[in-house]
N, C-alpha and C. Protein backbone atom coordinates (compact mmCIF):
# COMPACT_ATOMS: atom_id res chain seq x y z
N MET A 1 -9.41 11.39 27.37
CA MET A 1 -9.59 12.07 26.11
C MET A 1 -11.04 12.59 26.05
N ASN A 2 -11.21 13.86 25.65
CA ASN A 2 -12.56 14.43 25.58
C ASN A 2 -13.18 14.24 24.19
N ASN A 3 -14.45 14.63 24.05
CA ASN A 3 -15.18 14.44 22.79
C ASN A 3 -14.51 15.13 21.61
N TYR A 4 -14.02 16.35 21.82
CA TYR A 4 -13.43 17.08 20.71
C TYR A 4 -12.15 16.39 20.23
N GLN A 5 -11.36 15.90 21.14
CA GLN A 5 -10.14 15.19 20.74
C GLN A 5 -10.49 13.91 19.97
N ARG A 6 -11.54 13.19 20.42
CA ARG A 6 -11.98 11.99 19.68
C ARG A 6 -12.46 12.36 18.29
N TYR A 7 -13.19 13.47 18.20
CA TYR A 7 -13.69 13.96 16.90
C TYR A 7 -12.52 14.25 15.96
N LEU A 8 -11.51 14.95 16.46
CA LEU A 8 -10.37 15.30 15.63
C LEU A 8 -9.62 14.05 15.14
N GLN A 9 -9.50 13.07 15.99
CA GLN A 9 -8.79 11.85 15.61
C GLN A 9 -9.59 10.98 14.64
N ALA A 10 -10.92 11.00 14.75
CA ALA A 10 -11.77 10.14 13.94
C ALA A 10 -11.83 10.58 12.48
N ASP A 11 -11.80 11.89 12.22
CA ASP A 11 -11.86 12.43 10.86
C ASP A 11 -13.07 11.88 10.10
N PHE A 12 -14.28 12.14 10.64
CA PHE A 12 -15.52 11.65 10.04
C PHE A 12 -15.96 12.43 8.81
N GLY A 13 -15.46 13.63 8.61
CA GLY A 13 -15.88 14.44 7.48
C GLY A 13 -17.19 15.16 7.74
N CYS A 14 -17.45 15.46 9.01
CA CYS A 14 -18.65 16.21 9.37
C CYS A 14 -18.25 17.30 10.36
N THR A 15 -19.19 18.19 10.67
CA THR A 15 -18.89 19.23 11.65
C THR A 15 -18.93 18.63 13.05
N PHE A 16 -18.38 19.37 14.00
CA PHE A 16 -18.38 18.89 15.39
C PHE A 16 -19.81 18.77 15.92
N ALA A 17 -20.68 19.70 15.55
CA ALA A 17 -22.08 19.63 15.98
C ALA A 17 -22.76 18.37 15.44
N GLU A 18 -22.52 18.04 14.18
CA GLU A 18 -23.07 16.81 13.61
C GLU A 18 -22.53 15.58 14.32
N TYR A 19 -21.25 15.61 14.64
CA TYR A 19 -20.62 14.50 15.37
C TYR A 19 -21.30 14.27 16.72
N LEU A 20 -21.68 15.37 17.39
CA LEU A 20 -22.35 15.28 18.69
C LEU A 20 -23.84 14.99 18.57
N GLY A 21 -24.39 15.05 17.36
CA GLY A 21 -25.81 14.80 17.15
C GLY A 21 -26.68 16.02 17.42
N ILE A 22 -26.11 17.21 17.33
CA ILE A 22 -26.85 18.44 17.58
C ILE A 22 -27.48 18.91 16.27
N ASP A 23 -28.77 19.23 16.31
CA ASP A 23 -29.49 19.73 15.15
C ASP A 23 -29.33 21.25 15.09
N VAL A 24 -28.37 21.73 14.34
CA VAL A 24 -28.07 23.16 14.25
C VAL A 24 -29.04 23.80 13.26
N PRO A 25 -29.78 24.85 13.68
CA PRO A 25 -30.69 25.51 12.75
C PRO A 25 -29.91 26.25 11.67
N ARG A 26 -30.56 26.42 10.51
CA ARG A 26 -29.93 27.12 9.40
C ARG A 26 -30.85 28.27 8.96
N TYR A 27 -30.24 29.30 8.40
CA TYR A 27 -31.01 30.41 7.83
C TYR A 27 -31.29 30.09 6.37
N GLU A 28 -32.52 30.34 5.95
CA GLU A 28 -32.89 30.25 4.54
C GLU A 28 -33.18 31.67 4.06
N HIS A 29 -32.84 31.96 2.82
CA HIS A 29 -32.90 33.32 2.32
C HIS A 29 -33.59 33.36 0.96
N ARG A 30 -34.48 34.30 0.80
CA ARG A 30 -35.13 34.56 -0.50
C ARG A 30 -34.66 35.93 -0.99
N ALA A 31 -33.57 35.94 -1.74
CA ALA A 31 -32.97 37.21 -2.17
C ALA A 31 -33.77 37.89 -3.28
N TRP A 32 -34.57 37.12 -4.02
CA TRP A 32 -35.28 37.69 -5.17
C TRP A 32 -36.51 38.50 -4.75
N GLU A 33 -36.96 38.33 -3.52
CA GLU A 33 -38.13 39.10 -3.05
C GLU A 33 -37.69 40.48 -2.60
N ARG A 34 -38.60 41.40 -2.65
CA ARG A 34 -38.34 42.75 -2.15
C ARG A 34 -39.32 43.07 -1.06
N PRO A 35 -38.93 43.27 0.17
CA PRO A 35 -37.56 43.10 0.68
C PRO A 35 -37.17 41.63 0.75
N PRO A 36 -35.87 41.34 0.76
CA PRO A 36 -35.42 39.95 0.90
C PRO A 36 -35.97 39.34 2.19
N MET A 37 -36.32 38.08 2.15
CA MET A 37 -36.95 37.42 3.31
C MET A 37 -36.03 36.35 3.89
N TRP A 38 -36.13 36.16 5.21
CA TRP A 38 -35.31 35.19 5.95
C TRP A 38 -36.20 34.31 6.80
N ARG A 39 -35.74 33.08 7.06
CA ARG A 39 -36.37 32.24 8.06
C ARG A 39 -35.32 31.25 8.58
N MET A 40 -35.56 30.76 9.79
CA MET A 40 -34.69 29.74 10.38
C MET A 40 -35.44 28.43 10.35
N ALA A 41 -34.69 27.35 10.09
CA ALA A 41 -35.31 26.03 10.03
C ALA A 41 -34.33 24.98 10.55
N SER A 42 -34.91 23.92 11.11
CA SER A 42 -34.14 22.74 11.53
C SER A 42 -35.09 21.56 11.44
N ASP A 43 -34.63 20.40 11.85
CA ASP A 43 -35.50 19.22 11.85
C ASP A 43 -36.58 19.33 12.91
N ARG A 44 -36.36 20.15 13.93
CA ARG A 44 -37.32 20.27 15.03
C ARG A 44 -38.41 21.30 14.77
N ALA A 45 -38.10 22.37 14.02
CA ALA A 45 -39.07 23.45 13.80
C ALA A 45 -38.66 24.28 12.59
N THR A 46 -39.64 25.01 12.05
CA THR A 46 -39.40 25.96 10.96
C THR A 46 -40.16 27.24 11.29
N GLY A 47 -39.43 28.35 11.31
CA GLY A 47 -40.05 29.63 11.61
C GLY A 47 -40.73 30.23 10.39
N ARG A 48 -41.37 31.38 10.60
CA ARG A 48 -42.03 32.09 9.51
C ARG A 48 -41.02 32.95 8.75
N TRP A 49 -41.34 33.28 7.51
CA TRP A 49 -40.50 34.18 6.72
C TRP A 49 -40.64 35.58 7.28
N GLY A 50 -39.52 36.32 7.36
CA GLY A 50 -39.53 37.69 7.84
C GLY A 50 -38.48 38.52 7.13
N PRO A 51 -38.59 39.85 7.21
CA PRO A 51 -37.67 40.71 6.48
C PRO A 51 -36.27 40.82 7.10
N THR A 52 -36.10 40.36 8.35
CA THR A 52 -34.78 40.42 8.99
C THR A 52 -34.44 39.09 9.64
N LYS A 53 -33.14 38.87 9.85
CA LYS A 53 -32.71 37.65 10.54
C LYS A 53 -33.22 37.64 11.98
N LYS A 54 -33.29 38.82 12.59
CA LYS A 54 -33.76 38.93 13.97
C LYS A 54 -35.21 38.44 14.09
N GLU A 55 -36.06 38.85 13.17
CA GLU A 55 -37.46 38.41 13.18
C GLU A 55 -37.57 36.91 12.88
N ALA A 56 -36.74 36.43 11.97
CA ALA A 56 -36.74 35.01 11.64
C ALA A 56 -36.35 34.17 12.86
N LYS A 57 -35.36 34.63 13.60
CA LYS A 57 -34.91 33.91 14.79
C LYS A 57 -35.99 33.92 15.87
N ALA A 58 -36.66 35.05 16.07
CA ALA A 58 -37.73 35.13 17.06
C ALA A 58 -38.88 34.19 16.72
N SER A 59 -39.23 34.11 15.44
CA SER A 59 -40.30 33.21 15.00
C SER A 59 -39.90 31.76 15.22
N TYR A 60 -38.65 31.43 14.92
CA TYR A 60 -38.15 30.06 15.11
C TYR A 60 -38.18 29.67 16.59
N LYS A 61 -37.72 30.56 17.46
CA LYS A 61 -37.71 30.28 18.89
C LYS A 61 -39.14 30.12 19.43
N ALA A 62 -40.08 30.89 18.90
CA ALA A 62 -41.48 30.76 19.33
C ALA A 62 -42.03 29.41 18.92
N LYS A 63 -41.67 28.92 17.75
CA LYS A 63 -42.13 27.60 17.28
C LYS A 63 -41.57 26.46 18.15
N LEU A 64 -40.35 26.65 18.66
CA LEU A 64 -39.73 25.63 19.50
C LEU A 64 -40.45 25.44 20.83
N LYS A 65 -41.10 26.49 21.32
CA LYS A 65 -41.78 26.43 22.62
C LYS A 65 -43.06 25.66 22.59
């Protein structure tokens, strides 16, 4: 039996990534600013605010290095 099958049978109430212990980054959004600003964050790093998701991702990846 593989990890995914164990995850499905266990029914922990979490995502598969959480079950595996993976820290999935999330996008944060400031819609009230003009232009709207984005950044990526996780427990390992937090990127800078930027006007596009692409810039936010690049900043986050640079912080990880």
